[in-house]
Amino acid sequence: MTIACPHCQSFRIQSKDYGKKVAGSLGTLAGAAAGFSGVLGGAEAGASVGAFAGPAGLLLGGLAGAIIGGIVGGSAGGLAGVALGDMVDTNVLDNFECRDCHQVFSASPE
């Protein structure tokens, strides 16, 4: 889809994507926090897997479980945040800026 500036008809348009950036960052932080709050469950699962290796396996397995929980939670939260931010960019914010005349506008619905 080619977007033209409604003011000067230029095709030199850039999208700002502020909604995606902010919501994606907040979603990642919230998801990582939720993942790390489930540290006990991840640590227990990791410890049970690492139990065959003795005390070192329990420690490393528990630590790995906690880290993986944070990574998975952060990824899921980030994806949800980006999807929400994309809806905000598309429907609420003036997401496009003309690089020639600096007019800010939203894409017209087709």
PDB file of N, CA and C in Angstrom:
ATOM      1  N   MET A   1       0.848  -1.170   0.000  1.00  0.00           N
ATOM      2  CA  MET A   1       0.000   0.000   0.000  1.00  0.00           C
ATOM      3  C   MET A   1       0.893   1.233   0.000  1.00  0.00           C
ATOM      4  N   THR A   2       0.743   2.065  -1.000  1.00  0.00           N
ATOM      5  CA  THR A   2       1.507   3.298  -1.106  1.00  0.00           C
ATOM      6  C   THR A   2       0.689   4.433  -0.501  1.00  0.00           C
ATOM      7  N   ILE A   3       1.319   5.164   0.383  1.00  0.00           N
ATOM      8  CA  ILE A   3       0.638   6.263   1.064  1.00  0.00           C
ATOM      9  C   ILE A   3       1.235   7.574   0.570  1.00  0.00           C
ATOM     10  N   ALA A   4       0.374   8.502   0.216  1.00  0.00           N
ATOM     11  CA  ALA A   4       0.811   9.825  -0.226  1.00  0.00           C
ATOM     12  C   ALA A   4       0.398  10.854   0.814  1.00  0.00           C
ATOM     13  N   CYS A   5       1.190  11.877   0.938  1.00  0.00           N
ATOM     14  CA  CYS A   5       0.889  12.966   1.865  1.00  0.00           C
ATOM     15  C   CYS A   5      -0.385  13.687   1.394  1.00  0.00           C
ATOM     16  N   PRO A   6      -1.337  13.915   2.284  1.00  0.00           N
ATOM     17  CA  PRO A   6      -2.556  14.620   1.876  1.00  0.00           C
ATOM     18  C   PRO A   6      -2.315  16.110   1.606  1.00  0.00           C
ATOM     19  N   HIS A   7      -1.192  16.619   2.057  1.00  0.00           N
ATOM     20  CA  HIS A   7      -0.903  18.049   1.893  1.00  0.00           C
ATOM     21  C   HIS A   7      -0.130  18.332   0.605  1.00  0.00           C
ATOM     22  N   CYS A   8       0.992  17.601   0.388  1.00  0.00           N
ATOM     23  CA  CYS A   8       1.849  17.898  -0.768  1.00  0.00           C
ATOM     24  C   CYS A   8       1.926  16.761  -1.781  1.00  0.00           C
ATOM     25  N   GLN A   9       1.229  15.663  -1.527  1.00  0.00           N
ATOM     26  CA  GLN A   9       1.169  14.487  -2.413  1.00  0.00           C
ATOM     27  C   GLN A   9       2.508  13.752  -2.551  1.00  0.00           C
ATOM     28  N   SER A  10       3.440  14.000  -1.655  1.00  0.00           N
ATOM     29  CA  SER A  10       4.725  13.312  -1.683  1.00  0.00           C
ATOM     30  C   SER A  10       4.555  11.856  -1.246  1.00  0.00           C
ATOM     31  N   PHE A  11       5.405  11.003  -1.779  1.00  0.00           N
ATOM     32  CA  PHE A  11       5.408   9.607  -1.369  1.00  0.00           C
ATOM     33  C   PHE A  11       6.529   9.319  -0.364  1.00  0.00           C
ATOM     34  N   ARG A  12       7.233  10.335   0.070  1.00  0.00           N
ATOM     35  CA  ARG A  12       8.299  10.169   1.060  1.00  0.00           C
ATOM     36  C   ARG A  12       7.677  10.236   2.454  1.00  0.00           C
ATOM     37  N   ILE A  13       7.109   9.115   2.882  1.00  0.00           N
ATOM     38  CA  ILE A  13       6.364   9.024   4.128  1.00  0.00           C
ATOM     39  C   ILE A  13       7.079   8.059   5.065  1.00  0.00           C
ATOM     40  N   GLN A  14       7.097   8.399   6.331  1.00  0.00           N
ATOM     41  CA  GLN A  14       7.634   7.472   7.318  1.00  0.00           C
ATOM     42  C   GLN A  14       6.584   7.272   8.407  1.00  0.00           C
ATOM     43  N   SER A  15       6.560   6.063   8.951  1.00  0.00           N
ATOM     44  CA  SER A  15       5.640   5.791  10.051  1.00  0.00           C
ATOM     45  C   SER A  15       6.389   5.969  11.369  1.00  0.00           C
ATOM     46  N   LYS A  16       5.694   6.521  12.347  1.00  0.00           N
ATOM     47  CA  LYS A  16       6.329   6.805  13.635  1.00  0.00           C
ATOM     48  C   LYS A  16       6.237   5.611  14.580  1.00  0.00           C
ATOM     49  N   ASP A  17       5.139   4.867  14.561  1.00  0.00           N
ATOM     50  CA  ASP A  17       4.952   3.641  15.345  1.00  0.00           C
ATOM     51  C   ASP A  17       5.188   3.821  16.841  1.00  0.00           C
ATOM     52  N   TYR A  18       4.769   4.954  17.397  1.00  0.00           N
ATOM     53  CA  TYR A  18       4.947   5.177  18.828  1.00  0.00           C
ATOM     54  C   TYR A  18       4.148   4.178  19.660  1.00  0.00           C
ATOM     55  N   GLY A  19       2.950   3.847  19.218  1.00  0.00           N
ATOM     56  CA  GLY A  19       2.125   2.889  19.957  1.00  0.00           C
ATOM     57  C   GLY A  19       2.785   1.528  20.051  1.00  0.00           C
ATOM     58  N   LYS A  20       3.332   1.044  18.941  1.00  0.00           N
ATOM     59  CA  LYS A  20       4.022  -0.249  18.940  1.00  0.00           C
ATOM     60  C   LYS A  20       5.221  -0.233  19.873  1.00  0.00           C
ATOM     61  N   LYS A  21       5.992   0.845  19.815  1.00  0.00           N
ATOM     62  CA  LYS A  21       7.210   0.920  20.623  1.00  0.00           C
ATOM     63  C   LYS A  21       6.897   0.942  22.108  1.00  0.00           C
ATOM     64  N   VAL A  22       5.956   1.797  22.497  1.00  0.00           N
ATOM     65  CA  VAL A  22       5.634   1.936  23.923  1.00  0.00           C
ATOM     66  C   VAL A  22       4.934   0.689  24.453  1.00  0.00           C
ATOM     67  N   ALA A  23       3.891   0.234  23.748  1.00  0.00           N
ATOM     68  CA  ALA A  23       3.142  -0.927  24.217  1.00  0.00           C
ATOM     69  C   ALA A  23       3.995  -2.190  24.172  1.00  0.00           C
ATOM     70  N   GLY A  24       4.864  -2.318  23.172  1.00  0.00           N
ATOM     71  CA  GLY A  24       5.757  -3.469  23.107  1.00  0.00           C
ATOM     72  C   GLY A  24       6.731  -3.493  24.270  1.00  0.00           C
ATOM     73  N   SER A  25       7.275  -2.338  24.627  1.00  0.00           N
ATOM     74  CA  SER A  25       8.200  -2.263  25.767  1.00  0.00           C
ATOM     75  C   SER A  25       7.488  -2.568  27.078  1.00  0.00           C
ATOM     76  N   LEU A  26       6.315  -1.963  27.257  1.00  0.00           N
ATOM     77  CA  LEU A  26       5.563  -2.223  28.492  1.00  0.00           C
ATOM     78  C   LEU A  26       5.119  -3.675  28.570  1.00  0.00           C
ATOM     79  N   GLY A  27       4.690  -4.245  27.449  1.00  0.00           N
ATOM     80  CA  GLY A  27       4.293  -5.650  27.428  1.00  0.00           C
ATOM     81  C   GLY A  27       5.447  -6.579  27.748  1.00  0.00           C
ATOM     82  N   THR A  28       6.620  -6.258  27.224  1.00  0.00           N
ATOM     83  CA  THR A  28       7.797  -7.075  27.515  1.00  0.00           C
ATOM     84  C   THR A  28       8.146  -7.015  28.999  1.00  0.00           C
ATOM     85  N   LEU A  29       8.120  -5.813  29.567  1.00  0.00           N
ATOM     86  CA  LEU A  29       8.409  -5.685  30.999  1.00  0.00           C
ATOM     87  C   LEU A  29       7.379  -6.415  31.846  1.00  0.00           C
ATOM     88  N   ALA A  30       6.102  -6.250  31.512  1.00  0.00           N
ATOM     89  CA  ALA A  30       5.051  -6.919  32.286  1.00  0.00           C
ATOM     90  C   ALA A  30       5.148  -8.436  32.139  1.00  0.00           C
ATOM     91  N   GLY A  31       5.403  -8.903  30.916  1.00  0.00           N
ATOM     92  CA  GLY A  31       5.532 -10.341  30.703  1.00  0.00           C
ATOM     93  C   GLY A  31       6.731 -10.934  31.416  1.00  0.00           C
ATOM     94  N   ALA A  32       7.849 -10.209  31.400  1.00  0.00           N
ATOM     95  CA  ALA A  32       9.038 -10.694  32.110  1.00  0.00           C
ATOM     96  C   ALA A  32       8.798 -10.709  33.608  1.00  0.00           C
ATOM     97  N   ALA A  33       8.106  -9.680  34.109  1.00  0.00           N
ATOM     98  CA  ALA A  33       7.788  -9.656  35.544  1.00  0.00           C
ATOM     99  C   ALA A  33       6.880 -10.824  35.912  1.00  0.00           C
ATOM    100  N   ALA A  34       5.895 -11.101  35.064  1.00  0.00           N
ATOM    101  CA  ALA A  34       5.012 -12.241  35.327  1.00  0.00           C
ATOM    102  C   ALA A  34       5.797 -13.549  35.238  1.00  0.00           C
ATOM    103  N   GLY A  35       6.710 -13.634  34.274  1.00  0.00           N
ATOM    104  CA  GLY A  35       7.527 -14.837  34.152  1.00  0.00           C
ATOM    105  C   GLY A  35       8.436 -15.037  35.348  1.00  0.00           C
ATOM    106  N   PHE A  36       9.034 -13.941  35.823  1.00  0.00           N
ATOM    107  CA  PHE A  36       9.904 -14.054  36.989  1.00  0.00           C
ATOM    108  C   PHE A  36       9.108 -14.260  38.275  1.00  0.00           C
ATOM    109  N   SER A  37       7.845 -13.823  38.296  1.00  0.00           N
ATOM    110  CA  SER A  37       7.047 -14.079  39.494  1.00  0.00           C
ATOM    111  C   SER A  37       6.686 -15.552  39.579  1.00  0.00           C
ATOM    112  N   GLY A  38       6.732 -16.241  38.457  1.00  0.00           N
ATOM    113  CA  GLY A  38       6.534 -17.685  38.460  1.00  0.00           C
ATOM    114  C   GLY A  38       7.844 -18.433  38.624  1.00  0.00           C
ATOM    115  N   VAL A  39       8.825 -17.770  39.216  1.00  0.00           N
ATOM    116  CA  VAL A  39      10.152 -18.371  39.404  1.00  0.00           C
ATOM    117  C   VAL A  39      10.061 -19.671  40.187  1.00  0.00           C
ATOM    118  N   LEU A  40       9.194 -19.708  41.170  1.00  0.00           N
ATOM    119  CA  LEU A  40       9.102 -20.906  41.992  1.00  0.00           C
ATOM    120  C   LEU A  40       8.703 -22.108  41.146  1.00  0.00           C
ATOM    121  N   GLY A  41       7.697 -21.936  40.290  1.00  0.00           N
ATOM    122  CA  GLY A  41       7.273 -23.041  39.434  1.00  0.00           C
ATOM    123  C   GLY A  41       8.359 -23.440  38.447  1.00  0.00           C
ATOM    124  N   GLY A  42       8.994 -22.453  37.829  1.00  0.00           N
ATOM    125  CA  GLY A  42      10.067 -22.753  36.888  1.00  0.00           C
ATOM    126  C   GLY A  42      11.271 -23.360  37.578  1.00  0.00           C
ATOM    127  N   ALA A  43      11.577 -22.875  38.766  1.00  0.00           N
ATOM    128  CA  ALA A  43      12.716 -23.410  39.515  1.00  0.00           C
ATOM    129  C   ALA A  43      12.440 -24.842  39.945  1.00  0.00           C
ATOM    130  N   GLU A  44      11.207 -25.113  40.361  1.00  0.00           N
ATOM    131  CA  GLU A  44      10.863 -26.481  40.745  1.00  0.00           C
ATOM    132  C   GLU A  44      10.975 -27.429  39.555  1.00  0.00           C
ATOM    133  N   ALA A  45      10.460 -26.987  38.403  1.00  0.00           N
ATOM    134  CA  ALA A  45      10.534 -27.837  37.216  1.00  0.00           C
ATOM    135  C   ALA A  45      11.985 -28.054  36.805  1.00  0.00           C
ATOM    136  N   GLY A  46      12.771 -26.987  36.807  1.00  0.00           N
ATOM    137  CA  GLY A  46      14.175 -27.110  36.444  1.00  0.00           C
ATOM    138  C   GLY A  46      14.954 -27.952  37.430  1.00  0.00           C
ATOM    139  N   ALA A  47      14.629 -27.808  38.713  1.00  0.00           N
ATOM    140  CA  ALA A  47      15.323 -28.590  39.735  1.00  0.00           C
ATOM    141  C   ALA A  47      14.995 -30.068  39.599  1.00  0.00           C
ATOM    142  N   SER A  48      13.749 -30.392  39.283  1.00  0.00           N
ATOM    143  CA  SER A  48      13.391 -31.808  39.140  1.00  0.00           C
ATOM    144  C   SER A  48      14.086 -32.420  37.930  1.00  0.00           C
ATOM    145  N   VAL A  49      14.253 -31.633  36.859  1.00  0.00           N
ATOM    146  CA  VAL A  49      14.971 -32.139  35.688  1.00  0.00           C
ATOM    147  C   VAL A  49      16.455 -32.301  36.009  1.00  0.00           C
ATOM    148  N   GLY A  50      17.022 -31.354  36.770  1.00  0.00           N
ATOM    149  CA  GLY A  50      18.448 -31.401  37.083  1.00  0.00           C
ATOM    150  C   GLY A  50      18.788 -32.242  38.289  1.00  0.00           C
ATOM    151  N   ALA A  51      17.798 -32.849  38.936  1.00  0.00           N
ATOM    152  CA  ALA A  51      18.043 -33.595  40.173  1.00  0.00           C
ATOM    153  C   ALA A  51      18.959 -34.790  39.965  1.00  0.00           C
ATOM    154  N   PHE A  52      18.955 -35.375  38.787  1.00  0.00           N
ATOM    155  CA  PHE A  52      19.797 -36.549  38.557  1.00  0.00           C
ATOM    156  C   PHE A  52      21.277 -36.209  38.649  1.00  0.00           C
ATOM    157  N   ALA A  53      21.654 -34.936  38.523  1.00  0.00           N
ATOM    158  CA  ALA A  53      23.057 -34.536  38.552  1.00  0.00           C
ATOM    159  C   ALA A  53      23.511 -34.121  39.945  1.00  0.00           C
ATOM    160  N   GLY A  54      22.674 -34.293  40.953  1.00  0.00           N
ATOM    161  CA  GLY A  54      23.048 -33.967  42.314  1.00  0.00           C
ATOM    162  C   GLY A  54      22.764 -32.516  42.654  1.00  0.00           C
ATOM    163  N   PRO A  55      23.410 -31.995  43.717  1.00  0.00           N
ATOM    164  CA  PRO A  55      23.133 -30.624  44.180  1.00  0.00           C
ATOM    165  C   PRO A  55      23.428 -29.551  43.123  1.00  0.00           C
ATOM    166  N   ALA A  56      24.494 -29.742  42.362  1.00  0.00           N
ATOM    167  CA  ALA A  56      24.808 -28.756  41.317  1.00  0.00           C
ATOM    168  C   ALA A  56      23.718 -28.755  40.250  1.00  0.00           C
ATOM    169  N   GLY A  57      23.200 -29.917  39.913  1.00  0.00           N
ATOM    170  CA  GLY A  57      22.120 -30.027  38.940  1.00  0.00           C
ATOM    171  C   GLY A  57      20.847 -29.379  39.433  1.00  0.00           C
ATOM    172  N   LEU A  58      20.564 -29.525  40.743  1.00  0.00           N
ATOM    173  CA  LEU A  58      19.393 -28.871  41.322  1.00  0.00           C
ATOM    174  C   LEU A  58      19.508 -27.355  41.195  1.00  0.00           C
ATOM    175  N   LEU A  59      20.681 -26.825  41.532  1.00  0.00           N
ATOM    176  CA  LEU A  59      20.893 -25.375  41.481  1.00  0.00           C
ATOM    177  C   LEU A  59      20.825 -24.860  40.048  1.00  0.00           C
ATOM    178  N   LEU A  60      21.576 -25.482  39.153  1.00  0.00           N
ATOM    179  CA  LEU A  60      21.589 -25.029  37.763  1.00  0.00           C
ATOM    180  C   LEU A  60      20.239 -25.241  37.082  1.00  0.00           C
ATOM    181  N   GLY A  61      19.572 -26.352  37.368  1.00  0.00           N
ATOM    182  CA  GLY A  61      18.259 -26.604  36.789  1.00  0.00           C
ATOM    183  C   GLY A  61      17.233 -25.591  37.280  1.00  0.00           C
ATOM    184  N   GLY A  62      17.279 -25.261  38.572  1.00  0.00           N
ATOM    185  CA  GLY A  62      16.353 -24.254  39.109  1.00  0.00           C
ATOM    186  C   GLY A  62      16.610 -22.886  38.533  1.00  0.00           C
ATOM    187  N   LEU A  63      17.876 -22.514  38.402  1.00  0.00           N
ATOM    188  CA  LEU A  63      18.235 -21.219  37.822  1.00  0.00           C
ATOM    189  C   LEU A  63      17.822 -21.143  36.354  1.00  0.00           C
ATOM    190  N   ALA A  64      18.073 -22.215  35.603  1.00  0.00           N
ATOM    191  CA  ALA A  64      17.689 -22.242  34.194  1.00  0.00           C
ATOM    192  C   ALA A  64      16.171 -22.147  34.042  1.00  0.00           C
ATOM    193  N   GLY A  65      15.424 -22.837  34.911  1.00  0.00           N
ATOM    194  CA  GLY A  65      13.965 -22.770  34.861  1.00  0.00           C
ATOM    195  C   GLY A  65      13.451 -21.368  35.108  1.00  0.00           C
ATOM    196  N   ALA A  66      14.062 -20.663  36.059  1.00  0.00           N
ATOM    197  CA  ALA A  66      13.644 -19.290  36.359  1.00  0.00           C
ATOM    198  C   ALA A  66      13.952 -18.357  35.191  1.00  0.00           C
ATOM    199  N   ILE A  67      15.125 -18.497  34.595  1.00  0.00           N
ATOM    200  CA  ILE A  67      15.514 -17.635  33.474  1.00  0.00           C
ATOM    201  C   ILE A  67      14.619 -17.893  32.263  1.00  0.00           C
ATOM    202  N   ILE A  68      14.361 -19.159  31.979  1.00  0.00           N
ATOM    203  CA  ILE A  68      13.501 -19.490  30.836  1.00  0.00           C
ATOM    204  C   ILE A  68      12.088 -18.957  31.066  1.00  0.00           C
ATOM    205  N   GLY A  69      11.592 -19.025  32.301  1.00  0.00           N
ATOM    206  CA  GLY A  69      10.277 -18.455  32.612  1.00  0.00           C
ATOM    207  C   GLY A  69      10.221 -16.973  32.316  1.00  0.00           C
ATOM    208  N   GLY A  70      11.275 -16.230  32.665  1.00  0.00           N
ATOM    209  CA  GLY A  70      11.331 -14.796  32.384  1.00  0.00           C
ATOM    210  C   GLY A  70      11.398 -14.501  30.895  1.00  0.00           C
ATOM    211  N   ILE A  71      12.170 -15.287  30.170  1.00  0.00           N
ATOM    212  CA  ILE A  71      12.303 -15.071  28.726  1.00  0.00           C
ATOM    213  C   ILE A  71      10.990 -15.357  28.012  1.00  0.00           C
ATOM    214  N   VAL A  72      10.359 -16.469  28.351  1.00  0.00           N
ATOM    215  CA  VAL A  72       9.091 -16.828  27.706  1.00  0.00           C
ATOM    216  C   VAL A  72       8.015 -15.796  28.047  1.00  0.00           C
ATOM    217  N   GLY A  73       7.952 -15.395  29.309  1.00  0.00           N
ATOM    218  CA  GLY A  73       6.969 -14.381  29.708  1.00  0.00           C
ATOM    219  C   GLY A  73       7.212 -13.050  29.018  1.00  0.00           C
ATOM    220  N   GLY A  74       8.467 -12.635  28.915  1.00  0.00           N
ATOM    221  CA  GLY A  74       8.795 -11.380  28.244  1.00  0.00           C
ATOM    222  C   GLY A  74       8.464 -11.413  26.764  1.00  0.00           C
ATOM    223  N   SER A  75       8.726 -12.549  26.123  1.00  0.00           N
ATOM    224  CA  SER A  75       8.399 -12.675  24.695  1.00  0.00           C
ATOM    225  C   SER A  75       6.901 -12.611  24.467  1.00  0.00           C
ATOM    226  N   ALA A  76       6.143 -13.333  25.262  1.00  0.00           N
ATOM    227  CA  ALA A  76       4.685 -13.331  25.107  1.00  0.00           C
ATOM    228  C   ALA A  76       4.103 -11.950  25.384  1.00  0.00           C
ATOM    229  N   GLY A  77       4.587 -11.300  26.429  1.00  0.00           N
ATOM    230  CA  GLY A  77       4.111  -9.955  26.741  1.00  0.00           C
ATOM    231  C   GLY A  77       4.479  -8.949  25.668  1.00  0.00           C
ATOM    232  N   GLY A  78       5.669  -9.074  25.113  1.00  0.00           N
ATOM    233  CA  GLY A  78       6.103  -8.171  24.050  1.00  0.00           C
ATOM    234  C   GLY A  78       5.261  -8.320  22.796  1.00  0.00           C
ATOM    235  N   LEU A  79       4.954  -9.558  22.420  1.00  0.00           N
ATOM    236  CA  LEU A  79       4.117  -9.781  21.238  1.00  0.00           C
ATOM    237  C   LEU A  79       2.710  -9.225  21.442  1.00  0.00           C
ATOM    238  N   ALA A  80       2.157  -9.428  22.624  1.00  0.00           N
ATOM    239  CA  ALA A  80       0.828  -8.892  22.904  1.00  0.00           C
ATOM    240  C   ALA A  80       0.854  -7.362  22.906  1.00  0.00           C
ATOM    241  N   GLY A  81       1.910  -6.771  23.459  1.00  0.00           N
ATOM    242  CA  GLY A  81       2.034  -5.320  23.480  1.00  0.00           C
ATOM    243  C   GLY A  81       2.167  -4.724  22.090  1.00  0.00           C
ATOM    244  N   VAL A  82       2.935  -5.363  21.224  1.00  0.00           N
ATOM    245  CA  VAL A  82       3.104  -4.868  19.857  1.00  0.00           C
ATOM    246  C   VAL A  82       1.778  -4.939  19.102  1.00  0.00           C
ATOM    247  N   ALA A  83       1.020  -6.015  19.305  1.00  0.00           N
ATOM    248  CA  ALA A  83      -0.282  -6.132  18.639  1.00  0.00           C
ATOM    249  C   ALA A  83      -1.227  -5.027  19.106  1.00  0.00           C
ATOM    250  N   LEU A  84      -1.237  -4.760  20.413  1.00  0.00           N
ATOM    251  CA  LEU A  84      -2.074  -3.686  20.945  1.00  0.00           C
ATOM    252  C   LEU A  84      -1.597  -2.327  20.425  1.00  0.00           C
ATOM    253  N   GLY A  85      -0.296  -2.109  20.414  1.00  0.00           N
ATOM    254  CA  GLY A  85       0.263  -0.856  19.922  1.00  0.00           C
ATOM    255  C   GLY A  85      -0.029  -0.629  18.457  1.00  0.00           C
ATOM    256  N   ASP A  86      -0.044  -1.689  17.663  1.00  0.00           N
ATOM    257  CA  ASP A  86      -0.374  -1.566  16.246  1.00  0.00           C
ATOM    258  C   ASP A  86      -1.815  -1.096  16.066  1.00  0.00           C
ATOM    259  N   MET A  87      -2.720  -1.613  16.891  1.00  0.00           N
ATOM    260  CA  MET A  87      -4.114  -1.160  16.823  1.00  0.00           C
ATOM    261  C   MET A  87      -4.226   0.316  17.200  1.00  0.00           C
ATOM    262  N   VAL A  88      -3.471   0.735  18.211  1.00  0.00           N
ATOM    263  CA  VAL A  88      -3.492   2.140  18.622  1.00  0.00           C
ATOM    264  C   VAL A  88      -2.918   3.022  17.513  1.00  0.00           C
ATOM    265  N   ASP A  89      -1.793   2.608  16.925  1.00  0.00           N
ATOM    266  CA  ASP A  89      -1.199   3.376  15.820  1.00  0.00           C
ATOM    267  C   ASP A  89      -2.168   3.513  14.653  1.00  0.00           C
ATOM    268  N   THR A  90      -2.838   2.433  14.324  1.00  0.00           N
ATOM    269  CA  THR A  90      -3.720   2.425  13.164  1.00  0.00           C
ATOM    270  C   THR A  90      -5.004   3.220  13.397  1.00  0.00           C
ATOM    271  N   ASN A  91      -5.588   3.094  14.581  1.00  0.00           N
ATOM    272  CA  ASN A  91      -6.925   3.635  14.805  1.00  0.00           C
ATOM    273  C   ASN A  91      -6.984   4.923  15.613  1.00  0.00           C
ATOM    274  N   VAL A  92      -5.940   5.252  16.355  1.00  0.00           N
ATOM    275  CA  VAL A  92      -6.013   6.400  17.265  1.00  0.00           C
ATOM    276  C   VAL A  92      -5.031   7.503  16.887  1.00  0.00           C
ATOM    277  N   LEU A  93      -3.787   7.142  16.694  1.00  0.00           N
ATOM    278  CA  LEU A  93      -2.735   8.141  16.503  1.00  0.00           C
ATOM    279  C   LEU A  93      -2.557   8.525  15.036  1.00  0.00           C
ATOM    280  N   ASP A  94      -2.065   9.725  14.813  1.00  0.00           N
ATOM    281  CA  ASP A  94      -1.595  10.124  13.482  1.00  0.00           C
ATOM    282  C   ASP A  94      -0.199   9.525  13.336  1.00  0.00           C
ATOM    283  N   ASN A  95      -0.125   8.387  12.672  1.00  0.00           N
ATOM    284  CA  ASN A  95       1.080   7.566  12.684  1.00  0.00           C
ATOM    285  C   ASN A  95       2.067   7.896  11.565  1.00  0.00           C
ATOM    286  N   PHE A  96       1.672   8.683  10.585  1.00  0.00           N
ATOM    287  CA  PHE A  96       2.546   8.936   9.434  1.00  0.00           C
ATOM    288  C   PHE A  96       2.993  10.388   9.401  1.00  0.00           C
ATOM    289  N   GLU A  97       4.210  10.588   8.904  1.00  0.00           N
ATOM    290  CA  GLU A  97       4.761  11.934   8.759  1.00  0.00           C
ATOM    291  C   GLU A  97       5.415  12.056   7.398  1.00  0.00           C
ATOM    292  N   CYS A  98       5.100  13.135   6.691  1.00  0.00           N
ATOM    293  CA  CYS A  98       5.707  13.414   5.394  1.00  0.00           C
ATOM    294  C   CYS A  98       7.125  13.925   5.629  1.00  0.00           C
ATOM    295  N   ARG A  99       8.072  13.359   4.930  1.00  0.00           N
ATOM    296  CA  ARG A  99       9.460  13.779   5.095  1.00  0.00           C
ATOM    297  C   ARG A  99       9.772  15.048   4.316  1.00  0.00           C
ATOM    298  N   ASP A 100       8.866  15.477   3.444  1.00  0.00           N
ATOM    299  CA  ASP A 100       9.070  16.706   2.681  1.00  0.00           C
ATOM    300  C   ASP A 100       8.479  17.922   3.390  1.00  0.00           C
ATOM    301  N   CYS A 101       7.185  17.846   3.742  1.00  0.00           N
ATOM    302  CA  CYS A 101       6.522  19.023   4.334  1.00  0.00           C
ATOM    303  C   CYS A 101       6.250  18.856   5.834  1.00  0.00           C
ATOM    304  N   HIS A 102       6.580  17.704   6.414  1.00  0.00           N
ATOM    305  CA  HIS A 102       6.432  17.409   7.842  1.00  0.00           C
ATOM    306  C   HIS A 102       4.982  17.398   8.304  1.00  0.00           C
ATOM    307  N   GLN A 103       4.055  17.188   7.396  1.00  0.00           N
ATOM    308  CA  GLN A 103       2.643  17.026   7.741  1.00  0.00           C
ATOM    309  C   GLN A 103       2.492  15.684   8.468  1.00  0.00           C
ATOM    310  N   VAL A 104       1.734  15.676   9.560  1.00  0.00           N
ATOM    311  CA  VAL A 104       1.460  14.455  10.310  1.00  0.00           C
ATOM    312  C   VAL A 104       0.012  14.069  10.042  1.00  0.00           C
ATOM    313  N   PHE A 105      -0.220  12.781   9.728  1.00  0.00           N
ATOM    314  CA  PHE A 105      -1.563  12.341   9.369  1.00  0.00           C
ATOM    315  C   PHE A 105      -1.705  10.852   9.629  1.00  0.00           C
ATOM    316  N   SER A 106      -2.951  10.391   9.570  1.00  0.00           N
ATOM    317  CA  SER A 106      -3.213   8.961   9.655  1.00  0.00           C
ATOM    318  C   SER A 106      -3.585   8.461   8.271  1.00  0.00           C
ATOM    319  N   ALA A 107      -3.421   7.171   8.051  1.00  0.00           N
ATOM    320  CA  ALA A 107      -3.756   6.598   6.746  1.00  0.00           C
ATOM    321  C   ALA A 107      -5.260   6.633   6.569  1.00  0.00           C
ATOM    322  N   SER A 108      -5.697   7.006   5.403  1.00  0.00           N
ATOM    323  CA  SER A 108      -7.141   7.041   5.142  1.00  0.00           C
ATOM    324  C   SER A 108      -7.648   5.625   4.964  1.00  0.00           C
ATOM    325  N   PRO A 109      -8.808   5.323   5.531  1.00  0.00           N
ATOM    326  CA  PRO A 109      -9.345   3.964   5.363  1.00  0.00           C
ATOM    327  C   PRO A 109      -9.759   3.737   3.915  1.00  0.00           C
ATOM    328  N   GLU A 110      -9.491   2.522   3.441  1.00  0.00           N
ATOM    329  CA  GLU A 110      -9.828   2.215   2.043  1.00  0.00           C
ATOM    330  C   GLU A 110     -10.967   1.251   1.976  1.00  0.00           C
TER     331      GLU A 110
END
